[in-house]
N, C-alpha and C. Protein backbone atom coordinates (compact mmCIF):
# COMPACT_ATOMS: atom_id res chain seq x y z
N MET A 1 4.66 31.53 -39.76
CA MET A 1 4.99 30.91 -40.82
C MET A 1 6.14 30.09 -40.31
N LEU A 2 6.47 28.92 -40.64
CA LEU A 2 7.92 28.40 -40.39
C LEU A 2 8.30 27.90 -41.70
N ARG A 3 9.66 28.24 -41.83
CA ARG A 3 10.05 27.32 -43.11
C ARG A 3 11.29 26.98 -42.59
N THR A 4 11.77 25.81 -43.77
CA THR A 4 12.74 24.97 -43.01
C THR A 4 13.56 23.94 -44.53
N ASP A 5 14.91 24.25 -44.45
CA ASP A 5 15.64 23.75 -45.62
C ASP A 5 16.42 22.34 -45.24
N GLU A 6 15.69 21.27 -45.96
CA GLU A 6 16.11 19.83 -45.75
C GLU A 6 16.97 19.51 -46.66
N GLN A 7 17.82 18.69 -46.65
CA GLN A 7 18.35 18.12 -47.88
C GLN A 7 18.23 16.72 -48.21
N TYR A 8 17.67 15.96 -48.96
CA TYR A 8 17.45 14.44 -48.97
C TYR A 8 18.12 14.17 -50.49
N LEU A 9 18.50 12.92 -50.86
CA LEU A 9 18.58 12.61 -52.11
C LEU A 9 19.82 13.66 -52.78
N LYS A 10 20.71 13.86 -52.23
CA LYS A 10 21.68 14.77 -52.77
C LYS A 10 22.16 14.85 -53.79
N ASP A 11 22.56 13.45 -54.26
CA ASP A 11 23.07 12.86 -55.96
C ASP A 11 21.93 12.89 -56.96
N LYS A 12 20.54 12.93 -56.64
CA LYS A 12 19.48 12.68 -57.44
C LYS A 12 19.07 14.59 -58.13
N ASN A 13 18.72 14.08 -59.26
CA ASN A 13 17.78 15.33 -59.62
C ASN A 13 16.06 15.25 -59.12
N VAL A 14 15.86 15.54 -58.09
CA VAL A 14 14.41 15.25 -57.56
C VAL A 14 13.16 16.27 -58.60
N TRP A 15 12.29 15.78 -58.90
CA TRP A 15 11.42 16.14 -59.64
C TRP A 15 10.08 16.44 -58.90
N ASN A 16 9.37 15.29 -58.69
CA ASN A 16 8.02 15.15 -58.18
C ASN A 16 8.36 15.11 -56.33
N VAL A 17 7.60 15.88 -55.75
CA VAL A 17 7.38 15.04 -54.14
C VAL A 17 6.26 15.86 -53.92
N ARG A 18 5.51 15.00 -52.98
CA ARG A 18 4.18 14.71 -52.08
C ARG A 18 4.56 14.01 -50.68
N GLU A 19 3.95 15.02 -49.71
CA GLU A 19 3.49 14.08 -48.49
C GLU A 19 2.56 12.52 -48.54
N TYR A 20 3.28 11.54 -48.28
CA TYR A 20 2.39 10.55 -48.37
C TYR A 20 1.68 10.13 -47.10
N ASP A 21 2.40 10.35 -46.09
CA ASP A 21 1.68 10.23 -44.37
C ASP A 21 2.42 11.33 -43.62
N THR A 22 1.82 11.37 -42.72
CA THR A 22 2.45 12.57 -41.72
C THR A 22 4.06 12.61 -41.38
N ASN A 23 4.68 13.88 -42.03
CA ASN A 23 6.39 14.03 -41.86
C ASN A 23 6.95 12.87 -42.48
N LYS A 24 6.20 12.23 -43.60
CA LYS A 24 6.74 11.39 -44.63
C LYS A 24 6.44 12.11 -45.92
N LEU A 25 7.71 12.12 -46.91
CA LEU A 25 7.57 12.24 -48.29
C LEU A 25 7.70 11.09 -49.33
N ILE A 26 7.18 11.27 -50.10
CA ILE A 26 7.40 10.39 -51.77
C ILE A 26 7.78 11.25 -52.93
N CYS A 27 9.03 10.54 -53.33
CA CYS A 27 9.56 11.62 -54.56
C CYS A 27 10.11 10.86 -55.45
N THR A 28 10.28 11.65 -56.48
CA THR A 28 10.84 10.72 -58.01
C THR A 28 12.31 11.66 -58.34
N SER A 29 13.08 10.82 -59.17
CA SER A 29 14.06 11.78 -59.73
C SER A 29 14.44 11.50 -60.68
N TRP A 30 14.48 12.51 -61.66
CA TRP A 30 14.48 12.64 -63.32
C TRP A 30 15.19 11.78 -63.83
N LEU A 31 16.73 11.06 -63.51
CA LEU A 31 17.12 10.47 -64.17
C LEU A 31 17.15 8.99 -63.52
N THR A 32 16.61 8.52 -62.69
CA THR A 32 16.31 7.26 -62.13
C THR A 32 14.61 6.76 -62.41
N PRO A 33 14.39 5.53 -62.30
CA PRO A 33 13.25 5.11 -62.42
C PRO A 33 12.65 4.83 -61.26
N HIS A 34 13.41 4.78 -60.11
CA HIS A 34 12.60 4.48 -58.68
C HIS A 34 11.98 5.48 -58.16
N THR A 35 11.07 5.49 -56.96
CA THR A 35 10.27 6.10 -56.53
C THR A 35 11.21 6.21 -55.03
N TYR A 36 11.17 7.19 -54.32
CA TYR A 36 11.95 7.28 -52.85
C TYR A 36 10.93 7.71 -51.79
N LEU A 37 11.21 7.00 -50.93
CA LEU A 37 10.28 7.48 -49.67
C LEU A 37 11.04 7.92 -48.61
N ILE A 38 11.04 9.10 -47.94
CA ILE A 38 11.68 9.70 -47.27
C ILE A 38 11.18 9.97 -45.61
N ASP A 39 11.39 9.69 -44.70
CA ASP A 39 10.62 9.69 -43.32
C ASP A 39 11.57 10.90 -42.61
N ARG A 40 10.87 12.06 -42.80
CA ARG A 40 11.57 13.27 -42.29
C ARG A 40 12.37 13.15 -40.79
N ASN A 41 11.38 12.55 -39.70
CA ASN A 41 11.95 12.34 -38.75
C ASN A 41 13.22 11.39 -38.67
N GLU A 42 13.24 10.26 -39.38
CA GLU A 42 14.49 9.94 -39.19
C GLU A 42 15.09 10.13 -39.95
N GLY A 43 15.03 10.86 -41.16
CA GLY A 43 16.39 11.57 -41.78
C GLY A 43 17.11 12.54 -41.00
N PHE A 44 15.99 13.58 -39.98
CA PHE A 44 16.73 14.49 -39.15
C PHE A 44 17.55 13.59 -38.14
N ALA A 45 17.32 12.53 -38.02
CA ALA A 45 17.42 11.62 -36.94
C ALA A 45 19.02 11.34 -36.94
N THR A 46 19.00 10.47 -38.18
CA THR A 46 20.42 9.82 -39.28
C THR A 46 21.40 10.37 -39.79
N GLY A 47 20.62 11.20 -40.30
CA GLY A 47 20.83 11.86 -41.85
C GLY A 47 20.76 11.17 -43.02
N LYS A 48 20.15 9.91 -42.84
CA LYS A 48 19.65 9.30 -43.79
C LYS A 48 19.05 10.11 -45.15
N GLN A 49 19.29 9.93 -46.11
CA GLN A 49 18.78 10.45 -47.53
C GLN A 49 17.23 10.00 -47.80
N PHE A 50 17.43 8.93 -47.62
CA PHE A 50 15.64 8.34 -47.90
C PHE A 50 15.94 6.93 -46.91
N SER A 51 14.44 6.88 -46.55
CA SER A 51 14.17 5.28 -46.08
C SER A 51 13.79 4.18 -46.54
N ALA A 52 13.29 4.36 -47.67
CA ALA A 52 12.87 3.10 -48.64
C ALA A 52 12.85 3.57 -50.01
N VAL A 53 13.01 2.67 -50.77
CA VAL A 53 12.91 2.51 -52.70
C VAL A 53 12.02 1.86 -53.03
N ILE A 54 10.89 2.31 -53.63
CA ILE A 54 10.40 1.68 -54.56
C ILE A 54 10.80 1.40 -55.71
N GLU A 55 11.31 0.31 -56.00
CA GLU A 55 12.09 -0.23 -57.18
C GLU A 55 11.15 -0.48 -58.79
N GLU A 56 11.35 0.40 -59.33
CA GLU A 56 10.61 0.00 -60.96
C GLU A 56 11.54 -0.94 -61.26
N LYS A 57 10.80 -1.85 -62.01
CA LYS A 57 11.11 -3.10 -62.82
C LYS A 57 11.25 -2.83 -64.09
N ASN A 58 10.91 -1.99 -64.63
CA ASN A 58 11.42 -1.48 -66.18
C ASN A 58 12.50 -0.49 -65.81
N LYS A 59 14.11 -0.68 -65.55
CA LYS A 59 15.16 0.32 -65.60
C LYS A 59 15.13 1.38 -66.38
N SER A 60 14.24 0.95 -67.53
CA SER A 60 14.46 2.49 -68.39
C SER A 60 13.20 2.93 -68.49
N ASN A 61 12.35 3.26 -67.72
CA ASN A 61 10.95 3.71 -67.46
C ASN A 61 11.37 5.10 -66.40
N LYS A 62 12.41 5.99 -66.60
CA LYS A 62 12.79 7.07 -66.48
C LYS A 62 11.88 8.60 -66.35
N HIS A 63 12.34 9.77 -66.08
CA HIS A 63 11.41 10.98 -66.50
C HIS A 63 10.53 11.13 -65.91
N ALA A 64 9.70 10.95 -64.53
CA ALA A 64 8.75 10.88 -64.18
C ALA A 64 8.26 12.32 -64.13
N THR A 65 7.12 12.39 -64.79
CA THR A 65 6.84 14.07 -64.94
C THR A 65 6.07 14.17 -63.86
N ASP A 66 5.08 13.40 -63.56
CA ASP A 66 3.70 13.60 -62.69
C ASP A 66 3.52 12.19 -61.42
N LEU A 67 3.23 12.86 -60.31
CA LEU A 67 2.87 12.11 -59.05
C LEU A 67 1.81 12.58 -58.62
N TRP A 68 0.80 11.86 -58.52
CA TRP A 68 -0.52 12.49 -58.00
C TRP A 68 -1.19 11.15 -57.09
N PRO A 69 -2.09 11.64 -55.80
CA PRO A 69 -2.51 10.83 -55.25
C PRO A 69 -4.03 10.72 -55.84
N LEU A 70 -4.58 9.11 -55.98
CA LEU A 70 -5.97 9.06 -56.27
C LEU A 70 -6.86 9.68 -55.58
N PRO A 71 -8.11 9.99 -55.56
CA PRO A 71 -9.30 10.37 -54.94
C PRO A 71 -9.20 9.66 -53.93
N GLY A 72 -9.57 10.46 -52.79
CA GLY A 72 -9.65 9.81 -51.32
C GLY A 72 -8.29 9.26 -50.68
N TYR A 73 -7.18 9.83 -51.40
CA TYR A 73 -5.94 9.10 -50.91
C TYR A 73 -6.02 9.31 -49.03
N SER A 74 -5.25 7.82 -48.93
CA SER A 74 -5.28 7.87 -47.34
C SER A 74 -4.61 6.73 -46.95
N PHE A 75 -3.18 7.26 -46.11
CA PHE A 75 -1.91 6.41 -46.04
C PHE A 75 -2.98 5.02 -45.37
N ALA A 76 -3.91 4.91 -44.67
CA ALA A 76 -4.27 3.44 -43.71
C ALA A 76 -5.35 3.19 -44.98
N THR A 77 -5.92 3.92 -45.34
CA THR A 77 -7.13 2.76 -46.25
C THR A 77 -6.93 3.12 -47.64
N CYS A 78 -6.36 3.77 -48.50
CA CYS A 78 -6.31 4.04 -49.46
C CYS A 78 -5.18 4.71 -49.99
N PRO A 79 -3.87 3.76 -50.06
CA PRO A 79 -2.69 4.74 -50.00
C PRO A 79 -2.13 4.43 -51.53
N TYR A 80 -2.94 4.71 -52.34
CA TYR A 80 -2.45 5.05 -54.05
C TYR A 80 -2.03 6.12 -54.57
N MET A 81 -1.02 6.39 -55.27
CA MET A 81 -0.77 7.32 -56.22
C MET A 81 -0.26 6.88 -57.29
N LEU A 82 -0.34 7.64 -58.49
CA LEU A 82 -0.12 7.48 -59.88
C LEU A 82 1.10 8.57 -60.03
N LYS A 83 2.05 7.40 -60.74
CA LYS A 83 3.42 8.27 -61.35
C LYS A 83 3.14 7.93 -62.99
N ARG A 84 3.54 8.94 -63.76
CA ARG A 84 3.95 8.94 -64.75
C ARG A 84 5.24 9.25 -65.51
N SER A 85 5.78 8.15 -66.14
CA SER A 85 7.11 8.08 -66.58
C SER A 85 7.24 7.99 -67.94
N SER A 86 8.55 7.83 -68.56
CA SER A 86 8.81 7.89 -70.09
C SER A 86 7.89 6.76 -70.95
N LYS A 87 7.92 5.84 -69.94
CA LYS A 87 7.26 4.86 -70.55
C LYS A 87 5.91 4.26 -70.25
N CYS A 88 5.52 4.27 -69.20
CA CYS A 88 4.15 4.00 -68.88
C CYS A 88 3.55 4.83 -67.43
N LEU A 89 2.21 4.39 -67.13
CA LEU A 89 1.59 5.18 -66.11
C LEU A 89 1.56 4.00 -64.68
N THR A 90 1.84 4.25 -63.63
CA THR A 90 2.32 3.34 -62.70
C THR A 90 1.26 3.67 -61.72
N LEU A 91 0.60 2.52 -61.04
CA LEU A 91 0.25 2.47 -59.77
C LEU A 91 1.10 2.64 -58.72
N ILE A 92 1.13 3.51 -57.69
CA ILE A 92 2.31 3.06 -56.38
C ILE A 92 1.57 2.93 -54.88
N ASP A 93 1.75 2.06 -54.26
CA ASP A 93 0.96 1.71 -53.08
C ASP A 93 2.13 2.03 -52.06
N THR A 94 1.95 3.11 -51.31
CA THR A 94 2.75 3.60 -50.59
C THR A 94 2.85 3.14 -49.40
N LYS A 95 1.75 2.28 -48.95
CA LYS A 95 2.04 1.56 -47.67
C LYS A 95 2.41 0.42 -47.85
N HIS A 96 2.31 -0.45 -49.05
CA HIS A 96 3.25 -1.61 -49.14
C HIS A 96 4.30 -1.76 -50.08
N LYS A 97 4.66 -0.56 -50.47
CA LYS A 97 6.11 0.04 -51.03
C LYS A 97 5.98 -0.95 -52.38
N GLN A 98 5.20 -0.78 -53.06
CA GLN A 98 4.69 -1.54 -54.21
C GLN A 98 4.35 -1.09 -55.49
N GLU A 99 4.64 -0.96 -56.48
CA GLU A 99 4.20 -0.36 -57.75
C GLU A 99 3.87 -1.30 -59.01
N TYR A 100 2.59 -0.86 -59.46
CA TYR A 100 2.25 -1.83 -60.66
C TYR A 100 1.73 -1.10 -61.67
N MET A 101 2.46 -1.65 -63.08
CA MET A 101 2.03 -0.92 -64.21
C MET A 101 0.44 -0.91 -64.72
N MET A 102 0.36 0.23 -64.85
CA MET A 102 -1.25 0.16 -65.39
C MET A 102 -1.33 0.39 -66.74
N TYR A 103 -0.61 1.38 -67.62
CA TYR A 103 -0.81 1.24 -68.76
C TYR A 103 0.65 1.53 -69.55
N GLU A 104 1.31 0.85 -70.63
CA GLU A 104 2.17 1.08 -70.97
C GLU A 104 1.79 2.10 -72.12
N ASP A 105 2.37 3.52 -72.24
CA ASP A 105 1.98 4.61 -73.24
C ASP A 105 3.38 5.68 -73.03
N PRO A 106 4.14 5.71 -73.89
CA PRO A 106 5.21 6.42 -73.89
C PRO A 106 4.83 8.10 -73.71
N ASN A 107 6.12 8.64 -72.82
CA ASN A 107 5.79 10.09 -72.52
C ASN A 107 6.80 10.60 -73.61
N ALA A 108 6.45 11.86 -73.63
CA ALA A 108 7.77 12.39 -74.13
C ALA A 108 8.46 12.98 -73.19
N ASP A 109 9.82 13.84 -73.28
CA ASP A 109 10.56 14.14 -72.67
C ASP A 109 10.55 15.55 -72.18
N TRP A 110 9.38 15.75 -72.59
CA TRP A 110 9.33 17.48 -72.20
C TRP A 110 9.09 17.50 -70.60
N GLY A 111 9.68 18.17 -70.07
CA GLY A 111 9.51 18.16 -68.50
C GLY A 111 8.79 19.01 -67.48
N TYR A 112 7.24 18.55 -67.87
CA TYR A 112 6.34 19.33 -67.08
C TYR A 112 5.15 18.42 -66.84
N ASN A 113 4.41 18.66 -65.63
CA ASN A 113 3.49 17.75 -65.59
C ASN A 113 2.13 17.71 -66.68
N LYS A 114 1.80 16.39 -67.27
CA LYS A 114 0.80 16.43 -68.09
C LYS A 114 -0.75 15.35 -67.67
N VAL A 115 -0.23 15.05 -66.38
CA VAL A 115 -1.32 14.16 -66.02
C VAL A 115 -2.64 14.84 -65.11
N ALA A 116 -3.87 15.05 -65.66
CA ALA A 116 -4.99 15.58 -64.49
C ALA A 116 -5.84 14.28 -63.83
N ILE A 117 -6.07 14.13 -62.68
CA ILE A 117 -6.94 13.21 -61.95
C ILE A 117 -8.18 14.00 -61.73
N VAL A 118 -9.40 13.41 -62.24
CA VAL A 118 -10.79 14.03 -61.81
C VAL A 118 -11.54 13.18 -61.04
N ASP A 119 -11.77 13.90 -59.78
CA ASP A 119 -12.58 12.90 -59.05
C ASP A 119 -13.98 13.33 -59.31
N ARG A 120 -14.64 11.74 -59.82
CA ARG A 120 -16.10 12.19 -60.09
C ARG A 120 -17.04 11.58 -59.09
N GLY A 121 -16.24 11.87 -57.62
CA GLY A 121 -17.25 11.62 -56.29
C GLY A 121 -17.51 10.16 -56.08
N ASP A 122 -17.90 9.82 -54.95
CA ASP A 122 -18.36 8.19 -54.60
C ASP A 122 -17.50 7.34 -55.35
N ASP A 123 -16.03 7.62 -55.11
CA ASP A 123 -14.72 7.00 -55.45
C ASP A 123 -14.56 6.72 -57.07
N ALA A 124 -15.66 7.23 -57.88
CA ALA A 124 -15.16 7.56 -59.24
C ALA A 124 -14.71 8.44 -59.70
N PHE A 125 -13.45 8.24 -60.81
CA PHE A 125 -12.80 9.07 -61.22
C PHE A 125 -12.24 9.02 -62.73
N GLU A 126 -11.23 9.73 -63.25
CA GLU A 126 -10.91 9.67 -64.46
C GLU A 126 -9.45 10.09 -64.80
N ILE A 127 -8.60 9.69 -65.52
CA ILE A 127 -7.12 9.83 -65.73
C ILE A 127 -7.19 10.48 -66.86
N VAL A 128 -6.81 11.91 -67.35
CA VAL A 128 -6.76 12.41 -68.38
C VAL A 128 -5.22 12.73 -68.54
N TYR A 129 -4.70 12.58 -69.81
CA TYR A 129 -3.41 13.06 -70.11
C TYR A 129 -2.70 13.39 -71.40
N VAL A 130 -2.12 14.19 -71.98
CA VAL A 130 -1.79 14.55 -73.11
C VAL A 130 -0.75 13.87 -73.65
N VAL A 131 -0.74 13.24 -74.86
CA VAL A 131 0.28 12.54 -75.53
C VAL A 131 0.67 13.10 -76.64
N SER A 132 1.98 13.38 -77.08
CA SER A 132 2.90 13.83 -78.07
C SER A 132 2.37 15.38 -78.55
N GLU A 133 2.76 15.93 -77.31
CA GLU A 133 2.46 17.28 -77.26
C GLU A 133 3.52 18.24 -78.01
N GLY A 134 3.64 19.38 -77.95
CA GLY A 134 4.51 19.86 -79.26
C GLY A 134 4.87 19.65 -80.48
N LYS A 135 4.06 18.76 -81.00
CA LYS A 135 3.53 18.34 -82.19
C LYS A 135 2.17 18.72 -82.70
N PRO A 136 1.43 19.85 -83.09
CA PRO A 136 0.12 20.04 -82.92
C PRO A 136 -0.67 19.06 -84.10
N ASP A 137 -0.05 18.49 -84.73
CA ASP A 137 -0.98 17.68 -85.91
C ASP A 137 -1.06 16.16 -85.31
N ARG A 138 -0.36 15.73 -83.97
CA ARG A 138 -0.42 14.97 -83.59
C ARG A 138 -0.81 14.75 -82.08
N ASN A 139 -1.44 16.18 -81.47
CA ASN A 139 -1.79 16.12 -79.99
C ASN A 139 -2.81 15.16 -79.66
N VAL A 140 -2.39 14.26 -78.93
CA VAL A 140 -4.27 13.47 -78.49
C VAL A 140 -4.32 13.50 -76.63
N ILE A 141 -5.37 13.81 -76.23
CA ILE A 141 -6.08 13.46 -75.17
C ILE A 141 -6.36 12.41 -74.92
N LYS A 142 -5.88 11.39 -73.96
CA LYS A 142 -6.30 10.35 -73.47
C LYS A 142 -7.15 10.30 -72.14
N ARG A 143 -8.29 9.87 -71.92
CA ARG A 143 -8.97 9.97 -70.97
C ARG A 143 -9.22 8.45 -70.69
N PHE A 144 -9.32 8.10 -69.27
CA PHE A 144 -9.27 6.89 -68.75
C PHE A 144 -10.29 6.60 -67.78
N VAL A 145 -11.79 6.20 -67.54
CA VAL A 145 -12.94 6.32 -66.82
C VAL A 145 -12.87 4.98 -66.12
N TYR A 146 -12.87 5.59 -64.88
CA TYR A 146 -12.81 4.47 -63.77
C TYR A 146 -14.15 4.75 -62.75
N PRO A 147 -14.95 3.54 -62.75
CA PRO A 147 -16.02 3.74 -62.17
C PRO A 147 -15.82 3.31 -60.63
N ALA A 148 -16.59 3.43 -59.78
CA ALA A 148 -16.49 3.42 -58.57
C ALA A 148 -16.01 2.03 -57.91
N TYR A 149 -16.33 1.03 -58.52
CA TYR A 149 -15.81 -0.21 -58.16
C TYR A 149 -14.38 -0.43 -58.01
N TYR A 150 -13.70 0.10 -58.88
CA TYR A 150 -12.27 0.18 -59.38
C TYR A 150 -11.28 0.80 -57.83
N LEU A 151 -11.73 2.01 -57.51
CA LEU A 151 -11.19 2.37 -56.26
C LEU A 151 -11.46 1.59 -54.88
N GLN A 152 -12.83 0.91 -54.92
CA GLN A 152 -13.38 0.30 -53.83
C GLN A 152 -12.61 -0.85 -53.66
N GLY A 153 -12.51 -1.69 -55.20
CA GLY A 153 -11.50 -2.75 -54.93
C GLY A 153 -10.14 -2.83 -54.75
N LEU A 154 -9.41 -1.37 -54.87
CA LEU A 154 -8.15 -1.34 -54.34
C LEU A 154 -8.29 -1.20 -53.14
N LYS A 155 -9.15 -0.25 -52.57
CA LYS A 155 -9.02 0.05 -50.76
C LYS A 155 -9.28 -1.72 -50.31
N LYS A 156 -9.94 -2.33 -50.74
CA LYS A 156 -10.24 -4.08 -50.09
C LYS A 156 -8.64 -4.89 -50.34
N ILE A 157 -8.31 -4.50 -51.72
CA ILE A 157 -6.96 -4.92 -51.53
C ILE A 157 -6.07 -4.81 -50.32
N SER A 158 -6.23 -3.65 -50.31
CA SER A 158 -5.22 -2.76 -49.63
C SER A 158 -5.41 -3.42 -48.22
N ASN A 159 -6.72 -3.65 -47.52
CA ASN A 159 -7.19 -3.92 -46.14
C ASN A 159 -6.83 -5.32 -46.31
N LEU A 160 -6.58 -5.87 -47.00
CA LEU A 160 -6.67 -7.64 -46.93
C LEU A 160 -5.27 -7.82 -46.92
N MET A 161 -4.11 -7.09 -47.70
CA MET A 161 -2.75 -7.17 -47.79
C MET A 161 -2.59 -6.71 -46.06
N HIS A 162 -3.16 -6.10 -45.58
CA HIS A 162 -2.85 -5.34 -43.94
C HIS A 162 -2.95 -6.69 -42.84
N ARG A 163 -3.98 -7.21 -43.33
CA ARG A 163 -4.26 -8.60 -42.49
C ARG A 163 -3.28 -9.52 -42.89
N VAL A 164 -2.54 -9.77 -44.03
CA VAL A 164 -1.70 -10.54 -44.00
C VAL A 164 -0.34 -10.56 -42.95
């Protein structure tokens, strides 16, 4: 076992972190709406805190509780992750450093994960999440079903963007 202690985003309250490509991290900060990309090799060599920022267009869309890769995630062929923040669900393209609002749906400020992605196989998937938790008479579980052609279309878009 190898353990490392690395410090990035020293002035941010880092909330979610995932590896989006080999030795590269994607993370969110509780108090900022943006998504940060960290190249660990570059950070060690230069002392940089992060490599790139994916700017959130809605500056009040903070408090990201979730950051999950879509089924079949691959930086090369399907570079998409889902982010749940205070105002909406966002699709993040890690390869092209873009984000797109999927649904405007307010999230409570409770600080824990509330989204599940269910892989149904053959590129079909579902997004399931809780709304109005903490209020038993108003708890709602939302489910969005994505047929295979949705993810297949995203993969084609990523491939076309790569060619440009």
